[in-house]
Protein backbone atom coordinates (compact mmCIF):
# COMPACT_ATOMS: atom_id res chain seq x y z
CA UNK A 1 -37.38 10.16 21.19
CA UNK A 2 -36.98 6.94 23.06
CA UNK A 3 -34.28 5.95 20.64
CA UNK A 4 -32.38 9.10 20.88
CA UNK A 5 -32.51 9.03 24.68
CA UNK A 6 -31.30 5.48 24.90
CA UNK A 7 -28.52 6.21 22.51
CA UNK A 8 -27.49 9.14 25.13
CA UNK A 9 -27.58 6.67 27.76
CA UNK A 10 -25.45 4.02 26.06
CA UNK A 11 -22.94 6.78 25.34
CA UNK A 12 -22.85 7.97 29.13
CA UNK A 13 -22.61 4.46 30.21
CA UNK A 14 -19.64 3.57 28.23
CA UNK A 15 -17.73 6.73 28.41
CA UNK A 16 -18.58 6.35 32.12
CA UNK A 17 -16.58 3.02 31.86
CA UNK A 18 -13.71 4.61 29.92
CA UNK A 19 -13.56 7.34 32.77
CA UNK A 20 -13.68 4.79 35.63
CA UNK A 21 -10.97 2.55 33.75
CA UNK A 22 -8.92 6.15 33.84
CA UNK A 23 -9.49 6.47 37.35
CA UNK A 24 -8.68 3.13 38.53
CA UNK A 25 -5.14 3.79 36.47
CA UNK A 26 -4.75 7.09 38.42
CA UNK A 27 -6.01 6.63 41.65
CA UNK A 28 -2.65 5.92 43.23
CA UNK A 29 -1.11 8.77 41.48
CA UNK A 30 0.55 11.71 43.20
CA UNK A 31 -2.40 14.13 42.30
CA UNK A 32 -0.65 17.20 44.17
CA UNK A 33 2.68 16.75 42.21
CA UNK A 34 0.52 16.46 38.78
CA UNK A 35 -1.37 19.56 39.72
CA UNK A 36 1.95 21.48 40.40
CA UNK A 37 3.22 20.37 37.05
CA UNK A 38 -0.06 21.71 35.23
CA UNK A 39 0.17 25.07 37.23
CA UNK A 40 3.65 25.73 37.10
CA UNK A 41 5.24 24.17 33.64
CA UNK A 42 2.51 23.41 31.49
CA UNK A 43 2.14 25.52 28.27
CA UNK A 44 -1.49 25.32 26.86
CA UNK A 45 -0.51 27.00 23.37
CA UNK A 46 1.23 23.96 22.52
CA UNK A 47 -2.04 21.83 23.09
CA UNK A 48 -4.10 24.31 21.09
CA UNK A 49 -1.54 23.84 18.29
CA UNK A 50 -2.19 19.82 18.72
CA UNK A 51 -5.64 20.22 18.77
CA UNK A 52 -5.30 22.25 15.17
CA UNK A 53 -3.32 19.82 13.51
CA UNK A 54 -5.80 16.96 14.69
CA UNK A 55 -8.73 19.05 13.27
CA UNK A 56 -6.56 19.12 9.99
CA UNK A 57 -6.14 15.17 10.18
CA UNK A 58 -9.70 14.87 10.32
CA UNK A 59 -10.25 17.01 7.18
CA UNK A 60 -7.80 15.33 5.62
CA UNK A 61 -9.45 11.79 6.45
CA UNK A 62 -12.56 13.23 5.36
CA UNK A 63 -11.22 13.99 1.79
CA UNK A 64 -9.59 10.81 1.39
CA UNK A 65 -12.73 8.66 2.42
CA UNK A 66 -14.47 11.05 -0.35
CA UNK A 67 -11.87 9.90 -2.92
CA UNK A 68 -12.69 6.22 -1.93
CA UNK A 69 -16.52 6.46 -2.29
CA UNK A 70 -16.62 8.73 -5.80
CA UNK A 71 -15.41 5.42 -7.96
CA UNK A 72 -18.55 3.78 -6.48
CA UNK A 73 -20.87 6.20 -8.48
CA UNK A 74 -21.61 8.67 -5.75
CA UNK A 75 -20.13 11.98 -4.75
CA UNK A 76 -21.18 12.85 -1.28
CA UNK A 77 -21.06 16.41 -0.02
CA UNK A 78 -17.93 17.19 1.71
CA UNK A 79 -19.35 18.78 4.68
CA UNK A 80 -21.91 15.68 5.35
CA UNK A 81 -18.89 13.54 4.77
CA UNK A 82 -16.82 15.32 7.49
CA UNK A 83 -19.76 15.15 9.74
CA UNK A 84 -20.22 11.82 9.37
CA UNK A 85 -16.40 11.41 10.29
CA UNK A 86 -16.79 13.29 13.33
CA UNK A 87 -19.99 11.49 14.37
CA UNK A 88 -17.82 8.30 14.04
CA UNK A 89 -14.85 9.54 16.05
CA UNK A 90 -17.72 10.58 18.53
CA UNK A 91 -19.35 7.19 18.53
CA UNK A 92 -16.08 5.72 19.24
CA UNK A 93 -16.05 7.00 22.75
CA UNK A 94 -19.30 5.28 23.48
CA UNK A 95 -18.53 1.84 22.25
CA UNK A 96 -15.22 0.47 20.62
CA UNK A 97 -15.05 0.32 17.06
CA UNK A 98 -18.55 1.76 16.72
CA UNK A 99 -17.25 4.62 14.85
CA UNK A 100 -16.87 3.07 11.74
CA UNK A 101 -20.42 1.52 11.72
CA UNK A 102 -21.66 5.16 12.83
CA UNK A 103 -20.08 7.12 9.98
CA UNK A 104 -21.22 4.74 7.30
CA UNK A 105 -24.85 4.95 8.77
CA UNK A 106 -24.95 8.37 8.80
CA UNK A 107 -23.84 9.08 5.53
CA UNK A 108 -25.65 6.36 3.92
CA UNK A 109 -28.81 7.98 5.53
CA UNK A 110 -28.09 11.57 4.28
CA UNK A 111 -26.26 10.89 0.93
CA UNK A 112 -28.39 7.66 -0.17
CA UNK A 113 -25.35 5.63 -0.65
CA UNK A 114 -25.24 1.67 0.02
CA UNK A 115 -24.18 1.22 3.73
CA UNK A 116 -22.53 -1.89 2.70
CA UNK A 117 -20.36 -0.17 0.13
CA UNK A 118 -19.52 2.43 2.44
CA UNK A 119 -18.33 -0.20 4.78
CA UNK A 120 -16.06 -1.58 2.07
CA UNK A 121 -14.50 1.70 1.78
CA UNK A 122 -13.79 1.87 5.45
CA UNK A 123 -12.40 -1.58 5.65
CA UNK A 124 -9.99 -0.51 2.82
CA UNK A 125 -9.18 2.49 4.90
CA UNK A 126 -8.37 0.80 7.96
CA UNK A 127 -6.20 -1.83 6.05
CA UNK A 128 -4.17 1.41 4.42
CA UNK A 129 -3.80 2.81 8.14
CA UNK A 130 -2.76 -0.73 9.57
CA UNK A 131 -0.10 -0.97 6.72
CA UNK A 132 1.09 2.61 7.56
CA UNK A 133 1.37 2.16 11.21
CA UNK A 134 3.55 -1.00 10.83
CA UNK A 135 5.54 0.95 8.65
CA UNK A 136 6.29 3.71 11.23
CA UNK A 137 6.69 1.02 13.64
CA UNK A 138 9.65 -0.53 11.59
CA UNK A 139 10.88 3.30 11.48
CA UNK A 140 10.91 3.77 15.10
CA UNK A 141 12.15 0.20 16.25
CA UNK A 142 15.13 0.54 13.87
CA UNK A 143 15.94 4.19 15.01
CA UNK A 144 15.31 3.71 18.51
CA UNK A 145 16.42 -0.34 18.44
CA UNK A 146 18.15 -0.07 21.97
CA UNK A 147 15.16 1.74 23.58
CA UNK A 148 12.72 -0.95 22.11
CA UNK A 149 15.00 -3.58 23.48
CA UNK A 150 14.96 -2.01 27.17
CA UNK A 151 11.37 -1.66 26.78
CA UNK A 152 10.74 -5.11 26.12
CA UNK A 153 13.18 -6.13 29.03
CA UNK A 154 11.48 -3.95 31.38
CA UNK A 155 8.06 -5.46 30.08
CA UNK A 156 8.73 -9.21 29.81
CA UNK A 157 4.85 -9.89 29.65
CA UNK A 158 4.61 -7.80 26.23
CA UNK A 159 7.68 -9.76 24.99
CA UNK A 160 6.27 -13.02 25.51
CA UNK A 161 2.67 -11.96 24.01
CA UNK A 162 4.72 -11.09 20.94
CA UNK A 163 6.94 -14.01 20.54
CA UNK A 164 3.60 -16.17 21.33
CA UNK A 165 1.51 -14.75 18.91
CA UNK A 166 4.23 -15.10 15.97
CA UNK A 167 5.26 -18.42 17.01
CA UNK A 168 1.69 -19.85 17.70
CA UNK A 169 0.26 -22.43 15.65
CA UNK A 170 -3.01 -21.24 16.65
CA UNK A 171 -2.67 -18.24 14.67
CA UNK A 172 -2.38 -20.40 11.41
CA UNK A 173 -5.39 -22.59 12.88
CA UNK A 174 -7.45 -19.66 13.38
CA UNK A 175 -6.79 -18.41 9.57
CA UNK A 176 -7.62 -21.93 8.25
CA UNK A 177 -10.76 -22.03 10.39
CA UNK A 178 -11.94 -18.63 9.05
CA UNK A 179 -11.34 -20.07 5.33
CA UNK A 180 -13.12 -23.35 6.07
CA UNK A 181 -16.03 -21.47 7.63
CA UNK A 182 -16.51 -19.11 4.77
CA UNK A 183 -16.26 -22.02 1.98
CA UNK A 184 -18.72 -24.03 4.57
CA UNK A 185 -21.21 -21.56 4.68
CA UNK A 186 -21.19 -20.97 0.91
CA UNK A 187 -21.70 -24.33 0.50
CA UNK A 188 -24.55 -25.21 2.86
CA UNK A 189 -26.48 -21.70 2.35
CA UNK A 190 -26.26 -21.07 -1.02
CA UNK A 191 -29.70 -22.66 -1.63
CA UNK A 192 -31.37 -20.55 1.29
CA UNK A 193 -33.58 -17.76 0.69
CA UNK A 194 -31.21 -15.40 2.45
CA UNK A 195 -28.29 -16.40 0.54
CA UNK A 196 -29.05 -13.96 -2.45
CA UNK A 197 -29.39 -11.16 0.01
CA UNK A 198 -25.99 -11.94 1.70
CA UNK A 199 -24.19 -12.31 -1.66
CA UNK A 200 -25.58 -8.95 -2.46
CA UNK A 201 -24.09 -7.01 0.47
CA UNK A 202 -20.87 -8.98 0.03
CA UNK A 203 -20.60 -7.63 -3.50
CA UNK A 204 -21.31 -3.97 -2.35
CA UNK A 205 -18.87 -4.45 0.31
CA UNK A 206 -16.28 -5.50 -2.40
CA UNK A 207 -17.27 -2.86 -4.38
CA UNK A 208 -16.34 -0.39 -2.00
CA UNK A 209 -12.98 -2.38 -1.03
CA UNK A 210 -12.11 -2.51 -4.65
CA UNK A 211 -13.06 1.33 -5.42
CA UNK A 212 -9.22 2.03 -5.54
CA UNK A 213 -9.22 0.31 -8.95
CA UNK A 214 -11.45 2.75 -10.38
CA UNK A 215 -9.64 5.88 -8.85
CA UNK A 216 -8.64 8.61 -10.94
CA UNK A 217 -6.73 10.64 -8.10
CA UNK A 218 -4.78 7.82 -6.43
CA UNK A 219 -1.77 10.48 -6.20
CA UNK A 220 -4.11 12.46 -3.93
CA UNK A 221 -5.47 9.38 -2.05
CA UNK A 222 -1.89 8.53 -1.37
CA UNK A 223 -0.89 12.00 -0.33
CA UNK A 224 -3.67 12.14 2.33
CA UNK A 225 -2.98 8.66 3.35
CA UNK A 226 0.49 9.92 4.37
CA UNK A 227 -0.53 13.18 5.36
CA UNK A 228 -2.94 11.79 7.99
CA UNK A 229 -0.64 10.15 9.96
CA UNK A 230 2.23 12.90 9.64
CA UNK A 231 -0.46 15.03 11.55
CA UNK A 232 -1.15 12.60 13.98
CA UNK A 233 2.48 12.19 14.50
CA UNK A 234 2.88 16.36 14.93
CA UNK A 235 -0.28 16.10 16.95
CA UNK A 236 1.37 14.17 19.55
CA UNK A 237 5.09 15.64 19.31
CA UNK A 238 4.29 19.23 19.51
CA UNK A 239 2.63 18.50 22.99
CA UNK A 240 6.31 17.65 24.19
CA UNK A 241 6.91 21.18 23.97
CA UNK A 242 4.09 21.94 26.50
CA UNK A 243 6.15 20.50 29.42
CA UNK A 244 9.70 21.25 30.63
CA UNK A 245 10.63 17.72 31.07
CA UNK A 246 9.73 16.49 27.31
CA UNK A 247 10.70 19.94 25.64
CA UNK A 248 14.21 18.84 24.80
CA UNK A 249 13.50 15.49 23.40
CA UNK A 250 13.92 15.41 19.37
CA UNK A 251 11.54 13.82 16.75
CA UNK A 252 12.78 10.21 16.84
CA UNK A 253 11.91 10.14 20.41
CA UNK A 254 8.59 11.78 19.64
CA UNK A 255 8.03 9.34 16.94
CA UNK A 256 8.87 6.25 19.35
CA UNK A 257 6.44 7.43 22.18
CA UNK A 258 3.62 8.12 19.31
CA UNK A 259 3.86 4.49 18.04
CA UNK A 260 3.73 3.06 21.22
CA UNK A 261 0.49 5.45 22.07
CA UNK A 262 -1.02 4.40 18.71
CA UNK A 263 -1.21 0.61 19.83
CA UNK A 264 -3.11 1.96 22.76
CA UNK A 265 -5.62 3.67 20.47
CA UNK A 266 -5.70 0.41 18.21
CA UNK A 267 -6.95 -1.81 21.67
CA UNK A 268 -10.49 -2.59 21.74
CA UNK A 269 -11.17 0.15 24.63
CA UNK A 270 -13.19 3.28 23.71
CA UNK A 271 -11.03 6.17 23.07
CA UNK A 272 -7.79 4.58 24.38
CA UNK A 273 -8.71 5.07 27.75
CA UNK A 274 -6.17 3.30 29.87
CA UNK A 275 -4.24 1.69 27.23
CA UNK A 276 -2.94 4.52 25.52
CA UNK A 277 -1.95 6.06 28.74
CA UNK A 278 -0.11 3.04 29.89
CA UNK A 279 1.85 2.67 26.89
CA UNK A 280 2.74 6.43 26.58
CA UNK A 281 4.03 6.54 30.12
CA UNK A 282 5.91 3.25 29.91
CA UNK A 283 7.60 4.97 26.83
CA UNK A 284 8.53 8.26 28.44
CA UNK A 285 9.86 6.57 31.35
CA UNK A 286 12.38 4.72 29.17
CA UNK A 287 13.74 8.23 28.10
CA UNK A 288 14.44 9.21 31.48
CA UNK A 289 10.82 10.98 32.49
CA UNK A 290 9.97 10.21 35.85
CA UNK A 291 6.62 8.67 36.33
CA UNK A 292 4.47 11.53 37.84
CA UNK A 293 5.49 13.74 35.20
CA UNK A 294 4.80 11.13 32.41
CA UNK A 295 1.30 10.48 34.08
CA UNK A 296 0.56 14.15 33.93
CA UNK A 297 1.65 14.46 29.99
CA UNK A 298 -0.34 11.17 29.20
CA UNK A 299 -3.35 12.70 31.16
CA UNK A 300 -3.56 16.30 29.82
CA UNK A 301 -2.78 15.11 25.90
CA UNK A 302 -5.31 12.39 26.05
CA UNK A 303 -7.83 14.39 27.61
CA UNK A 304 -7.45 17.50 25.45
CA UNK A 305 -7.71 15.27 22.41
CA UNK A 306 -10.95 13.42 23.84
CA UNK A 307 -12.63 16.73 24.73
CA UNK A 308 -12.18 17.82 20.92
CA UNK A 309 -13.73 15.01 19.86
CA UNK A 310 -16.64 15.32 22.29
CA UNK A 311 -17.18 19.03 21.30
CA UNK A 312 -16.92 18.54 17.78
CA UNK A 313 -18.72 15.35 17.48
CA UNK A 314 -21.61 16.60 19.55
CA UNK A 315 -21.76 19.57 17.46
CA UNK A 316 -21.69 17.35 14.39
CA UNK A 317 -24.72 15.52 15.77
CA UNK A 318 -26.55 18.45 16.07
CA UNK A 319 -25.41 20.25 12.90
CA UNK A 320 -25.85 17.36 10.37
CA UNK A 321 -29.73 17.30 10.32
CA UNK A 322 -29.83 21.24 10.16
CA UNK A 323 -27.71 21.41 7.25
CA UNK A 324 -30.00 18.50 5.48
CA UNK A 325 -33.15 20.12 6.44
CA UNK A 326 -34.95 19.48 3.23
CA UNK A 327 -33.54 15.61 3.18
CA UNK A 328 -34.59 15.24 6.75
CA UNK A 329 -37.82 16.01 6.10
CA UNK A 330 -37.82 13.63 2.99
CA UNK A 331 -36.39 11.05 5.14
CA UNK A 332 -39.25 11.63 7.75
CA UNK A 333 -41.96 11.43 5.17
CA UNK A 334 -41.03 8.71 3.45
């Protein structure tokens, strides 16, 4: 009971931090004009379509994760895998990147699968997602080259950061340092008592990472990997039709705005609070949208996505032990 209260308190605190960051960003916004836009121009039907697309993407992610887990010798129930995925998204609102750990922990508990192996599958998932995001970024930059140059010119700090990161010798020094640290740890710790356990955990993680080698349905895995991001893009783009000032924008403009916002979600801030808004707003402004309408778009779209995660995630937390009632009793008595 105390642990649940503590977890609930942590969630409230970190969600409060996110809301605080959002308030700081919007405190000087023209709230009267934003309310007028929502009242007179906003078409809620498109947001509902967006949320349905988001839910479909989560189901697709569930199926893809299950495909990755099965070659390791386990076949979790689809309902448990989906609930674990949604609890993961819910946990991300409390603490950045906590979702990956949370969903692995939940599925490990209810499906009796090695936690370390599940972590390996999620690491592989994230690697695939990052590759797809980089490909989409390349498409967006090539198709909107002049806009991207204008963005960098309007944000010299971003331009300098990209240039500095790519050309910095510290990048390669850091990579070499990580490699040397692993080699040193292996050399000095291989005789210690905990080394065997660490080695076992690393082998389980590697088993999860290399599960793609044993996968029989690779075509289906590739389909879902692409389909997830198509849904993400459409989830964002259909929201353009919810407002008059973005309804005339074509798919490639939507792709550019989507890519910019995606990097805001990658930022180590719970739920993308702040960075997603800033990047989405700045991208819309480049295409001629005035600042207040752009702020309204970002607030409405992000708030609707967050609300869906809170509702579905909260329901998942309640439903998971109920649909596993027998397992819950077995775990409690073990």
